[in-house]
Amino acid sequence: MNIPVEISNNPAKELVRGFSEFKENKNLDINKTQNIKLNKLKIYLDNCCFNRPYDDQKQLKIEIETKAKLFIQNLVAEKKIDLVWSYILDYENSLNTFNQKSMAIQKWQKLSICDVDETPNIINLSNEIRKSGIHNADSLHIACAIEAKCNYLITVDKRVLKYKNKNIIICDPVEFLRIWEVSSDDEQQGSFE
C-alpha cells in the first residue's frame, strides 16, 4: 500500500491516493459523472455515513472513510455541493441514544437544500428496492435520494453499496471523493460546457 508521506496542496487527492484496495465496489462507472456540473451535484448521506466519525477509528478503513466524509461535509458547508435531508434521517437520528452525537448530526439538516417527506411514491419505490434484499430504513434512504433527484447516495453500509439503480450512483465517501476529483479536474480543463 502506498501511503502518502508528503502533504499535498489538494487534500482530496491526498486522502484517496493509495487506498484502492479498500474498495469493494470497484465497478462504479466514473464516466457517468462527466455530464454533471460540479456546482449542481446533489448528494444524500445516509445515517451510517453520518455516524462514521463515531465508529472505531483504530481501523484504517474506518479512519479513511471518516476523513473523506468530513471532507464531503466541508464541501457542503462551502456550498460546493448540495446536501439533501429526509424524514428517515430525522427518525433514525432520533433513535440515537447519544444526545451529543444526535445533535451534531441534526445540525446538517440546516445546511441541506431540501428535506424530503414521506410520499406514496417514496413508499412504493422503497417497497421495490426492498425486493432486492435491502432493509427497510436503507430502502427508504435510497428512495428519498432518488425522489430528490440526487446524483449520489453516499454510504458506508456494505449491503447498500452493492445495490445498483439507474437513477442514482451509490458509493462510499472515499469513492465519491475520487469521482469528485476527476470531475473537478475535468471542469478545470474546460470539458464541462
Protein backbone atom coordinates (compact mmCIF):
# COMPACT_ATOMS: atom_id res chain seq x y z
CA MET A 1 0.00 0.00 0.00
CA ASN A 2 1.29 3.44 -0.90
CA ILE A 3 0.59 5.79 1.96
CA PRO A 4 1.40 9.38 1.05
CA VAL A 5 4.24 10.84 3.06
CA GLU A 6 4.20 14.42 1.88
CA ILE A 7 1.36 16.83 2.30
CA SER A 8 -0.34 17.83 -0.90
CA ASN A 9 -1.99 21.13 -1.78
CA ASN A 10 -5.05 19.06 -2.63
CA PRO A 11 -6.42 17.19 0.42
CA ALA A 12 -8.91 15.17 -1.63
CA LYS A 13 -6.17 13.70 -3.82
CA GLU A 14 -4.02 13.07 -0.79
CA LEU A 15 -6.84 11.32 1.00
CA VAL A 16 -7.75 8.86 -1.71
CA ARG A 17 -4.27 8.08 -3.04
CA GLY A 18 -3.10 4.57 -2.24
CA PHE A 19 -6.29 3.22 -0.70
CA SER A 20 -7.94 1.48 -3.65
CA GLU A 21 -7.51 -1.97 -2.06
CA PHE A 22 -10.16 -0.98 0.48
CA LYS A 23 -12.70 -0.61 -2.27
CA GLU A 24 -15.31 -3.33 -2.52
CA ASN A 25 -17.40 -1.53 -5.12
CA LYS A 26 -14.88 -1.17 -7.94
CA ASN A 27 -17.31 -1.42 -10.85
CA LEU A 28 -18.64 2.13 -10.47
CA ASP A 29 -18.73 3.87 -13.84
CA ILE A 30 -16.89 7.15 -13.36
CA ASN A 31 -17.85 8.13 -16.92
CA LYS A 32 -21.44 8.67 -15.67
CA THR A 33 -20.19 11.76 -13.87
CA GLN A 34 -18.81 13.52 -16.94
CA ASN A 35 -22.07 15.30 -17.81
CA ILE A 36 -22.76 16.58 -14.29
CA LYS A 37 -21.70 20.11 -13.46
CA LEU A 38 -19.80 20.16 -10.19
CA ASN A 39 -21.76 23.06 -8.71
CA LYS A 40 -25.03 21.22 -9.37
CA LEU A 41 -24.20 18.00 -7.54
CA LYS A 42 -26.83 16.85 -5.07
CA ILE A 43 -25.78 14.28 -2.52
CA TYR A 44 -27.53 12.28 0.15
CA LEU A 45 -25.62 10.87 3.11
CA ASP A 46 -27.38 8.04 4.92
CA ASN A 47 -27.35 7.58 8.69
CA CYS A 48 -24.42 5.11 8.57
CA CYS A 49 -22.33 7.72 6.80
CA PHE A 50 -23.25 10.50 9.22
CA ASN A 51 -22.26 8.22 12.12
CA ARG A 52 -18.93 7.09 10.65
CA PRO A 53 -16.84 9.53 12.74
CA TYR A 54 -18.22 7.86 15.88
CA ASP A 55 -17.04 4.37 14.87
CA ASP A 56 -13.75 2.79 15.99
CA GLN A 57 -11.11 4.99 14.34
CA LYS A 58 -8.35 2.44 15.07
CA GLN A 59 -9.39 0.60 11.91
CA LEU A 60 -7.67 2.19 8.92
CA LYS A 61 -10.62 1.76 6.55
CA ILE A 62 -12.95 3.49 9.02
CA GLU A 63 -10.46 6.30 9.63
CA ILE A 64 -10.11 6.91 5.88
CA GLU A 65 -13.88 6.87 5.33
CA THR A 66 -14.28 9.28 8.24
CA LYS A 67 -11.77 11.74 6.79
CA ALA A 68 -13.46 11.50 3.39
CA LYS A 69 -16.90 12.04 4.94
CA LEU A 70 -15.68 15.09 6.86
CA PHE A 71 -14.15 16.47 3.66
CA ILE A 72 -17.51 15.98 1.91
CA GLN A 73 -19.27 17.83 4.73
CA ASN A 74 -16.79 20.64 4.25
CA LEU A 75 -17.78 20.79 0.55
CA VAL A 76 -21.41 21.09 1.69
CA ALA A 77 -20.56 23.83 4.22
CA GLU A 78 -18.68 25.72 1.47
CA LYS A 79 -21.73 25.30 -0.83
CA LYS A 80 -19.70 23.45 -3.45
CA ILE A 81 -22.19 20.58 -3.39
CA ASP A 82 -25.78 20.37 -2.20
CA LEU A 83 -26.96 18.14 0.63
CA VAL A 84 -30.42 16.56 0.76
CA TRP A 85 -32.05 15.60 4.07
CA SER A 86 -35.04 13.34 4.75
CA TYR A 87 -37.61 12.26 7.29
CA ILE A 88 -35.89 8.87 7.64
CA LEU A 89 -32.66 10.64 8.66
CA ASP A 90 -34.67 12.51 11.28
CA TYR A 91 -36.23 9.29 12.52
CA GLU A 92 -33.01 7.25 12.70
CA ASN A 93 -31.12 10.11 14.29
CA SER A 94 -33.85 10.46 16.94
CA LEU A 95 -33.12 6.85 17.96
CA ASN A 96 -29.50 7.70 18.74
CA THR A 97 -29.06 7.27 22.50
CA PHE A 98 -26.03 9.57 22.49
CA ASN A 99 -27.60 13.03 22.58
CA GLN A 100 -24.38 14.86 21.68
CA LYS A 101 -23.90 12.75 18.52
CA SER A 102 -27.54 13.16 17.57
CA MET A 103 -27.38 16.95 17.94
CA ALA A 104 -24.13 17.14 15.91
CA ILE A 105 -25.72 15.17 13.06
CA GLN A 106 -29.01 17.10 13.19
CA LYS A 107 -27.16 20.39 12.58
CA TRP A 108 -26.56 19.26 8.99
CA GLN A 109 -30.29 19.46 8.28
CA LYS A 110 -29.98 23.26 8.34
CA LEU A 111 -27.37 23.11 5.56
CA SER A 112 -29.48 20.90 3.34
CA ILE A 113 -31.22 22.33 0.28
CA CYS A 114 -34.35 20.27 0.87
CA ASP A 115 -35.94 17.95 3.40
CA VAL A 116 -37.75 15.02 1.78
CA ASP A 117 -41.02 13.99 3.42
CA GLU A 118 -42.72 10.63 3.08
CA THR A 119 -44.91 10.30 0.00
CA PRO A 120 -46.76 7.36 -1.59
CA ASN A 121 -44.17 7.39 -4.38
CA ILE A 122 -41.31 7.02 -1.86
CA ILE A 123 -43.11 4.14 -0.12
CA ASN A 124 -43.74 2.38 -3.45
CA LEU A 125 -40.15 2.86 -4.56
CA SER A 126 -38.90 1.67 -1.17
CA ASN A 127 -41.02 -1.49 -1.46
CA GLU A 128 -39.48 -2.20 -4.88
CA ILE A 129 -35.97 -1.66 -3.52
CA ARG A 130 -36.67 -4.00 -0.58
CA LYS A 131 -37.36 -6.83 -3.04
CA SER A 132 -33.61 -6.86 -3.74
CA GLY A 133 -32.83 -7.63 -0.09
CA ILE A 134 -32.23 -4.07 1.13
CA HIS A 135 -33.55 -3.45 4.65
CA ASN A 136 -36.48 -1.12 5.41
CA ALA A 137 -34.66 2.03 6.55
CA ASP A 138 -31.97 1.64 3.89
CA SER A 139 -34.57 1.29 1.14
CA LEU A 140 -36.22 4.49 2.39
CA HIS A 141 -32.88 6.35 2.27
CA ILE A 142 -32.37 5.20 -1.32
CA ALA A 143 -35.96 6.08 -2.28
CA CYS A 144 -35.66 9.55 -0.73
CA ALA A 145 -32.39 10.22 -2.54
CA ILE A 146 -33.89 9.12 -5.86
CA GLU A 147 -37.08 11.13 -5.28
CA ALA A 148 -34.97 14.24 -4.58
CA LYS A 149 -33.05 13.57 -7.81
CA CYS A 150 -29.71 13.29 -6.03
CA ASN A 151 -26.71 12.44 -8.15
CA TYR A 152 -25.13 10.38 -5.35
CA LEU A 153 -26.12 8.48 -2.27
CA ILE A 154 -23.07 8.19 -0.02
CA THR A 155 -22.96 5.34 2.49
CA VAL A 156 -20.60 3.02 4.32
CA ASP A 157 -23.19 0.22 4.51
CA LYS A 158 -21.85 -2.76 2.52
CA ARG A 159 -25.28 -4.07 1.56
CA VAL A 160 -26.40 -0.67 0.26
CA LEU A 161 -23.12 -0.26 -1.66
CA LYS A 162 -23.91 -3.45 -3.60
CA TYR A 163 -27.34 -2.19 -4.67
CA LYS A 164 -27.49 -0.76 -8.21
CA ASN A 165 -30.07 1.65 -9.59
CA LYS A 166 -30.01 3.53 -12.89
CA ASN A 167 -31.31 6.70 -11.21
CA ILE A 168 -28.51 7.24 -8.69
CA ILE A 169 -24.87 6.43 -8.08
CA ILE A 170 -24.30 4.75 -4.72
CA CYS A 171 -20.78 4.95 -3.37
CA ASP A 172 -18.79 5.32 -0.18
CA PRO A 173 -17.16 8.62 0.86
CA VAL A 174 -13.72 7.69 -0.50
CA GLU A 175 -15.12 6.68 -3.89
CA PHE A 176 -17.16 9.89 -4.03
CA LEU A 177 -14.01 11.97 -3.50
CA ARG A 178 -12.26 10.01 -6.24
CA ILE A 179 -15.14 10.81 -8.62
CA TRP A 180 -15.36 14.42 -7.42
CA GLU A 181 -11.63 14.83 -8.00
CA VAL A 182 -11.93 13.51 -11.57
CA SER A 183 -14.92 15.79 -12.23
CA SER A 184 -13.13 18.73 -10.67
CA ASP A 185 -10.04 18.14 -12.80
CA ASP A 186 -12.20 17.82 -15.97
CA GLU A 187 -14.09 21.01 -15.14
CA GLN A 188 -10.87 22.95 -14.63
CA GLN A 189 -9.67 21.72 -18.04
CA GLY A 190 -12.85 23.07 -19.65
CA SER A 191 -14.55 19.76 -20.51
CA PHE A 192 -17.85 20.85 -18.94
CA GLU A 193 -19.71 23.19 -21.21
